[in-house]
């Protein structure tokens, strides 16, 4: 991925083929995991993942980020729920009941933003996207900068200890954190709110 000030969604809106590939790469494993969790069989799951992504591609020009927290995430969840419901109603899948409920009931719960299942979906989305974006961004930073960030932010090691381990100052650790997080915020703009 090239370094650019525009967010992934803006690049997708501009019909950047690399951005489209990145969006598909970013979301395919997440959608696949969501479907597997609700009992959709692997073969049907792959078809359904393709259906969801096809709708995203087709309808993306209509998507407008309304500046509300989770706008893209909620839009994607709605598409996934609607595709799953259409798939299920057409008897193309026979999902195993989740938690003792029927598949249709599960989909209704996912549609309700205040439902714990929808909230879990949102949390999983944010964690997945953050991890994936960090992996994409990692090559943009020198090894020592990344190591300071990783130890301090991801591992939760105090700045003074990280500085001692890596032969630098606590201030350098804070600067590394700031640089990586600034770049992450830039790349995650509109995806994670």
C-alpha atoms as a PDB file:
ATOM      1  CA  UNK A   1       0.000   0.000   0.000  1.00  0.00           C
ATOM      2  CA  UNK A   2       1.347   3.396  -0.882  1.00  0.00           C
ATOM      3  CA  UNK A   3       1.685   6.072   1.742  1.00  0.00           C
ATOM      4  CA  UNK A   4      -0.943   8.724   1.166  1.00  0.00           C
ATOM      5  CA  UNK A   5      -2.816  11.226   3.254  1.00  0.00           C
ATOM      6  CA  UNK A   6      -6.179  10.037   1.941  1.00  0.00           C
ATOM      7  CA  UNK A   7      -7.976   7.334   3.875  1.00  0.00           C
ATOM      8  CA  UNK A   8      -8.675   3.933   2.389  1.00  0.00           C
ATOM      9  CA  UNK A   9     -12.344   4.838   1.912  1.00  0.00           C
ATOM     10  CA  UNK A  10     -11.430   7.998   0.022  1.00  0.00           C
ATOM     11  CA  UNK A  11      -9.093   6.026  -2.231  1.00  0.00           C
ATOM     12  CA  UNK A  12     -11.830   3.454  -2.829  1.00  0.00           C
ATOM     13  CA  UNK A  13     -14.251   6.264  -3.691  1.00  0.00           C
ATOM     14  CA  UNK A  14     -11.695   7.483  -6.240  1.00  0.00           C
ATOM     15  CA  UNK A  15     -11.777   4.003  -7.851  1.00  0.00           C
ATOM     16  CA  UNK A  16      -8.196   3.230  -6.853  1.00  0.00           C
ATOM     17  CA  UNK A  17      -7.799  -0.463  -7.764  1.00  0.00           C
ATOM     18  CA  UNK A  18      -5.099  -0.956  -5.118  1.00  0.00           C
ATOM     19  CA  UNK A  19      -7.451   0.454  -2.491  1.00  0.00           C
ATOM     20  CA  UNK A  20     -10.250  -1.859  -3.644  1.00  0.00           C
ATOM     21  CA  UNK A  21      -7.909  -4.833  -3.381  1.00  0.00           C
ATOM     22  CA  UNK A  22      -6.860  -3.703   0.088  1.00  0.00           C
ATOM     23  CA  UNK A  23     -10.492  -3.326   1.192  1.00  0.00           C
ATOM     24  CA  UNK A  24     -11.294  -6.846  -0.022  1.00  0.00           C
ATOM     25  CA  UNK A  25      -8.129  -8.213   1.611  1.00  0.00           C
ATOM     26  CA  UNK A  26      -8.969  -6.413   4.848  1.00  0.00           C
ATOM     27  CA  UNK A  27     -12.584  -7.515   5.134  1.00  0.00           C
ATOM     28  CA  UNK A  28     -12.728 -11.015   3.594  1.00  0.00           C
ATOM     29  CA  UNK A  29     -11.267 -12.835   6.635  1.00  0.00           C
ATOM     30  CA  UNK A  30     -13.474 -10.861   9.014  1.00  0.00           C
ATOM     31  CA  UNK A  31     -16.687 -11.584   7.094  1.00  0.00           C
ATOM     32  CA  UNK A  32     -15.674 -15.243   6.730  1.00  0.00           C
ATOM     33  CA  UNK A  33     -15.109 -15.496  10.509  1.00  0.00           C
ATOM     34  CA  UNK A  34     -18.478 -13.857  11.282  1.00  0.00           C
ATOM     35  CA  UNK A  35     -20.274 -16.296   9.020  1.00  0.00           C
ATOM     36  CA  UNK A  36     -18.491 -19.329  10.436  1.00  0.00           C
ATOM     37  CA  UNK A  37     -19.430 -18.218  13.945  1.00  0.00           C
ATOM     38  CA  UNK A  38     -23.128 -18.271  13.050  1.00  0.00           C
ATOM     39  CA  UNK A  39     -22.878 -21.762  11.620  1.00  0.00           C
ATOM     40  CA  UNK A  40     -22.669 -21.035   7.896  1.00  0.00           C
ATOM     41  CA  UNK A  41     -20.866 -23.952   6.270  1.00  0.00           C
ATOM     42  CA  UNK A  42     -17.508 -23.188   4.618  1.00  0.00           C
ATOM     43  CA  UNK A  43     -18.661 -23.674   1.010  1.00  0.00           C
ATOM     44  CA  UNK A  44     -21.744 -21.559   1.486  1.00  0.00           C
ATOM     45  CA  UNK A  45     -19.711 -19.096   3.518  1.00  0.00           C
ATOM     46  CA  UNK A  46     -17.380 -18.425   0.600  1.00  0.00           C
ATOM     47  CA  UNK A  47     -20.360 -17.780  -1.674  1.00  0.00           C
ATOM     48  CA  UNK A  48     -21.866 -15.474   0.910  1.00  0.00           C
ATOM     49  CA  UNK A  49     -18.581 -13.586   1.421  1.00  0.00           C
ATOM     50  CA  UNK A  50     -18.516 -12.980  -2.329  1.00  0.00           C
ATOM     51  CA  UNK A  51     -22.136 -11.792  -2.257  1.00  0.00           C
ATOM     52  CA  UNK A  52     -21.381  -9.340   0.555  1.00  0.00           C
ATOM     53  CA  UNK A  53     -18.315  -7.965  -1.203  1.00  0.00           C
ATOM     54  CA  UNK A  54     -20.189  -7.693  -4.507  1.00  0.00           C
ATOM     55  CA  UNK A  55     -22.854  -5.557  -2.814  1.00  0.00           C
ATOM     56  CA  UNK A  56     -20.161  -3.414  -1.189  1.00  0.00           C
ATOM     57  CA  UNK A  57     -18.552  -2.811  -4.589  1.00  0.00           C
ATOM     58  CA  UNK A  58     -21.879  -2.120  -6.295  1.00  0.00           C
ATOM     59  CA  UNK A  59     -23.280   0.140  -3.571  1.00  0.00           C
ATOM     60  CA  UNK A  60     -20.104   1.899  -2.424  1.00  0.00           C
ATOM     61  CA  UNK A  61     -20.793   4.982  -4.573  1.00  0.00           C
ATOM     62  CA  UNK A  62     -23.981   5.439  -2.509  1.00  0.00           C
ATOM     63  CA  UNK A  63     -22.152   5.212   0.832  1.00  0.00           C
ATOM     64  CA  UNK A  64     -21.778   8.550   2.595  1.00  0.00           C
ATOM     65  CA  UNK A  65     -19.943   8.662   5.886  1.00  0.00           C
ATOM     66  CA  UNK A  66     -22.287  10.685   8.080  1.00  0.00           C
ATOM     67  CA  UNK A  67     -19.518  11.461  10.590  1.00  0.00           C
ATOM     68  CA  UNK A  68     -21.263   9.290  13.167  1.00  0.00           C
ATOM     69  CA  UNK A  69     -19.167   6.758  15.025  1.00  0.00           C
ATOM     70  CA  UNK A  70     -19.141   3.411  13.247  1.00  0.00           C
ATOM     71  CA  UNK A  71     -20.863   4.564  10.047  1.00  0.00           C
ATOM     72  CA  UNK A  72     -18.897   2.308   7.686  1.00  0.00           C
ATOM     73  CA  UNK A  73     -18.858  -0.572  10.140  1.00  0.00           C
ATOM     74  CA  UNK A  74     -22.661  -0.356  10.544  1.00  0.00           C
ATOM     75  CA  UNK A  75     -23.146  -0.083   6.766  1.00  0.00           C
ATOM     76  CA  UNK A  76     -21.029  -3.192   6.215  1.00  0.00           C
ATOM     77  CA  UNK A  77     -22.873  -5.085   8.974  1.00  0.00           C
ATOM     78  CA  UNK A  78     -26.239  -4.177   7.404  1.00  0.00           C
ATOM     79  CA  UNK A  79     -25.080  -5.460   4.030  1.00  0.00           C
ATOM     80  CA  UNK A  80     -23.786  -8.686   5.567  1.00  0.00           C
ATOM     81  CA  UNK A  81     -27.038  -9.239   7.468  1.00  0.00           C
ATOM     82  CA  UNK A  82     -29.180  -8.557   4.396  1.00  0.00           C
ATOM     83  CA  UNK A  83     -27.075 -10.844   2.193  1.00  0.00           C
ATOM     84  CA  UNK A  84     -27.210 -13.603   4.814  1.00  0.00           C
ATOM     85  CA  UNK A  85     -30.977 -13.184   5.149  1.00  0.00           C
ATOM     86  CA  UNK A  86     -31.454 -13.392   1.347  1.00  0.00           C
ATOM     87  CA  UNK A  87     -29.179 -16.426   1.182  1.00  0.00           C
ATOM     88  CA  UNK A  88     -31.059 -18.108   4.031  1.00  0.00           C
ATOM     89  CA  UNK A  89     -34.542 -17.311   2.664  1.00  0.00           C
ATOM     90  CA  UNK A  90     -33.556 -18.738  -0.715  1.00  0.00           C
ATOM     91  CA  UNK A  91     -32.653 -21.966   1.140  1.00  0.00           C
ATOM     92  CA  UNK A  92     -29.099 -21.722  -0.140  1.00  0.00           C
ATOM     93  CA  UNK A  93     -27.841 -22.204   3.423  1.00  0.00           C
ATOM     94  CA  UNK A  94     -29.023 -24.106   6.408  1.00  0.00           C
ATOM     95  CA  UNK A  95     -27.159 -22.532   9.277  1.00  0.00           C
ATOM     96  CA  UNK A  96     -27.005 -24.279  12.597  1.00  0.00           C
ATOM     97  CA  UNK A  97     -28.855 -22.393  15.320  1.00  0.00           C
ATOM     98  CA  UNK A  98     -26.615 -20.116  17.358  1.00  0.00           C
ATOM     99  CA  UNK A  99     -27.137 -20.082  21.103  1.00  0.00           C
ATOM    100  CA  UNK A 100     -30.429 -21.910  20.769  1.00  0.00           C
ATOM    101  CA  UNK A 101     -31.977 -19.341  18.432  1.00  0.00           C
ATOM    102  CA  UNK A 102     -32.918 -19.609  14.813  1.00  0.00           C
ATOM    103  CA  UNK A 103     -30.738 -18.042  12.136  1.00  0.00           C
ATOM    104  CA  UNK A 104     -33.350 -15.396  11.280  1.00  0.00           C
ATOM    105  CA  UNK A 105     -33.553 -14.368  14.918  1.00  0.00           C
ATOM    106  CA  UNK A 106     -29.806 -14.089  15.079  1.00  0.00           C
ATOM    107  CA  UNK A 107     -29.803 -11.805  12.034  1.00  0.00           C
ATOM    108  CA  UNK A 108     -32.464  -9.601  13.657  1.00  0.00           C
ATOM    109  CA  UNK A 109     -30.268  -9.254  16.733  1.00  0.00           C
ATOM    110  CA  UNK A 110     -27.320  -8.219  14.570  1.00  0.00           C
ATOM    111  CA  UNK A 111     -29.415  -5.473  12.988  1.00  0.00           C
ATOM    112  CA  UNK A 112     -30.132  -3.879  16.375  1.00  0.00           C
ATOM    113  CA  UNK A 113     -27.181  -1.554  17.136  1.00  0.00           C
ATOM    114  CA  UNK A 114     -27.807  -1.820  20.881  1.00  0.00           C
ATOM    115  CA  UNK A 115     -27.893  -5.624  20.929  1.00  0.00           C
ATOM    116  CA  UNK A 116     -24.867  -7.310  22.542  1.00  0.00           C
ATOM    117  CA  UNK A 117     -24.315  -9.367  19.356  1.00  0.00           C
ATOM    118  CA  UNK A 118     -24.095  -6.191  17.251  1.00  0.00           C
ATOM    119  CA  UNK A 119     -21.797  -4.614  19.829  1.00  0.00           C
ATOM    120  CA  UNK A 120     -19.550  -7.708  19.743  1.00  0.00           C
ATOM    121  CA  UNK A 121     -19.509  -7.521  15.935  1.00  0.00           C
ATOM    122  CA  UNK A 122     -18.414  -3.877  16.165  1.00  0.00           C
ATOM    123  CA  UNK A 123     -15.639  -4.638  18.672  1.00  0.00           C
ATOM    124  CA  UNK A 124     -14.370  -7.532  16.589  1.00  0.00           C
ATOM    125  CA  UNK A 125     -14.413  -5.306  13.510  1.00  0.00           C
ATOM    126  CA  UNK A 126     -12.327  -2.612  15.189  1.00  0.00           C
ATOM    127  CA  UNK A 127      -9.762  -5.063  16.582  1.00  0.00           C
ATOM    128  CA  UNK A 128      -9.447  -6.871  13.245  1.00  0.00           C
ATOM    129  CA  UNK A 129      -9.074  -3.687  11.193  1.00  0.00           C
ATOM    130  CA  UNK A 130      -6.576  -2.183  13.642  1.00  0.00           C
ATOM    131  CA  UNK A 131      -4.400  -5.303  13.580  1.00  0.00           C
ATOM    132  CA  UNK A 132      -4.506  -5.530   9.804  1.00  0.00           C
ATOM    133  CA  UNK A 133      -3.696  -1.853   9.328  1.00  0.00           C
ATOM    134  CA  UNK A 134      -0.811  -2.042  11.773  1.00  0.00           C
ATOM    135  CA  UNK A 135       0.663  -4.906   9.748  1.00  0.00           C
ATOM    136  CA  UNK A 136       0.316  -2.860   6.569  1.00  0.00           C
ATOM    137  CA  UNK A 137       1.887   0.207   8.183  1.00  0.00           C
ATOM    138  CA  UNK A 138       4.756  -1.606   9.872  1.00  0.00           C
ATOM    139  CA  UNK A 139       7.164  -1.414   6.878  1.00  0.00           C
ATOM    140  CA  UNK A 140       6.778   2.375   6.833  1.00  0.00           C
ATOM    141  CA  UNK A 141       8.739   2.679  10.083  1.00  0.00           C
ATOM    142  CA  UNK A 142      12.316   1.958  11.029  1.00  0.00           C
ATOM    143  CA  UNK A 143      12.755  -1.188  13.080  1.00  0.00           C
ATOM    144  CA  UNK A 144      13.648   0.656  16.278  1.00  0.00           C
ATOM    145  CA  UNK A 145      10.646   2.992  15.963  1.00  0.00           C
ATOM    146  CA  UNK A 146       8.345   0.016  15.484  1.00  0.00           C
ATOM    147  CA  UNK A 147       9.918  -1.878  18.383  1.00  0.00           C
ATOM    148  CA  UNK A 148       9.428   1.098  20.710  1.00  0.00           C
ATOM    149  CA  UNK A 149       5.801   1.411  19.626  1.00  0.00           C
ATOM    150  CA  UNK A 150       5.136  -2.323  19.916  1.00  0.00           C
ATOM    151  CA  UNK A 151       6.674  -2.692  23.368  1.00  0.00           C
ATOM    152  CA  UNK A 152       5.067   0.461  24.765  1.00  0.00           C
ATOM    153  CA  UNK A 153       1.608   0.426  23.156  1.00  0.00           C
ATOM    154  CA  UNK A 154       0.902  -3.175  22.249  1.00  0.00           C
ATOM    155  CA  UNK A 155       2.817  -4.931  25.027  1.00  0.00           C
ATOM    156  CA  UNK A 156       2.043  -2.300  27.687  1.00  0.00           C
ATOM    157  CA  UNK A 157       5.627  -1.984  28.908  1.00  0.00           C
ATOM    158  CA  UNK A 158       6.366   1.347  30.681  1.00  0.00           C
ATOM    159  CA  UNK A 159       8.202   3.913  28.531  1.00  0.00           C
ATOM    160  CA  UNK A 160      11.215   4.022  30.846  1.00  0.00           C
ATOM    161  CA  UNK A 161      11.642   0.248  30.640  1.00  0.00           C
ATOM    162  CA  UNK A 162      11.283   0.260  26.827  1.00  0.00           C
ATOM    163  CA  UNK A 163      13.846   3.052  26.619  1.00  0.00           C
ATOM    164  CA  UNK A 164      16.291   1.090  28.778  1.00  0.00           C
ATOM    165  CA  UNK A 165      15.766  -2.100  26.736  1.00  0.00           C
ATOM    166  CA  UNK A 166      16.315  -0.322  23.427  1.00  0.00           C
ATOM    167  CA  UNK A 167      19.032   2.119  24.474  1.00  0.00           C
ATOM    168  CA  UNK A 168      17.053   5.300  23.985  1.00  0.00           C
ATOM    169  CA  UNK A 169      15.105   7.847  26.017  1.00  0.00           C
ATOM    170  CA  UNK A 170      11.515   7.714  27.270  1.00  0.00           C
ATOM    171  CA  UNK A 171      10.834  10.793  25.135  1.00  0.00           C
ATOM    172  CA  UNK A 172      11.889   8.836  22.018  1.00  0.00           C
ATOM    173  CA  UNK A 173       9.417   6.113  23.018  1.00  0.00           C
ATOM    174  CA  UNK A 174       6.599   8.684  23.263  1.00  0.00           C
ATOM    175  CA  UNK A 175       7.575  10.133  19.887  1.00  0.00           C
ATOM    176  CA  UNK A 176       7.540   6.663  18.289  1.00  0.00           C
ATOM    177  CA  UNK A 177       4.102   6.034  19.767  1.00  0.00           C
ATOM    178  CA  UNK A 178       2.856   9.349  18.462  1.00  0.00           C
ATOM    179  CA  UNK A 179       4.209   8.795  14.942  1.00  0.00           C
ATOM    180  CA  UNK A 180       2.743   5.313  14.549  1.00  0.00           C
ATOM    181  CA  UNK A 181      -0.623   6.232  16.053  1.00  0.00           C
ATOM    182  CA  UNK A 182      -0.881   9.337  13.859  1.00  0.00           C
ATOM    183  CA  UNK A 183      -0.295   7.211  10.775  1.00  0.00           C
ATOM    184  CA  UNK A 184      -2.765   4.583  12.016  1.00  0.00           C
ATOM    185  CA  UNK A 185      -5.434   7.249  12.583  1.00  0.00           C
ATOM    186  CA  UNK A 186      -4.833   8.516   9.084  1.00  0.00           C
ATOM    187  CA  UNK A 187      -5.162   5.080   7.505  1.00  0.00           C
ATOM    188  CA  UNK A 188      -8.121   4.064   9.671  1.00  0.00           C
ATOM    189  CA  UNK A 189     -10.069   7.254   8.978  1.00  0.00           C
ATOM    190  CA  UNK A 190     -13.676   6.245   8.407  1.00  0.00           C
ATOM    191  CA  UNK A 191     -13.058   2.559   9.100  1.00  0.00           C
ATOM    192  CA  UNK A 192     -12.541   2.795  12.851  1.00  0.00           C
ATOM    193  CA  UNK A 193     -14.171   5.692  14.605  1.00  0.00           C
END
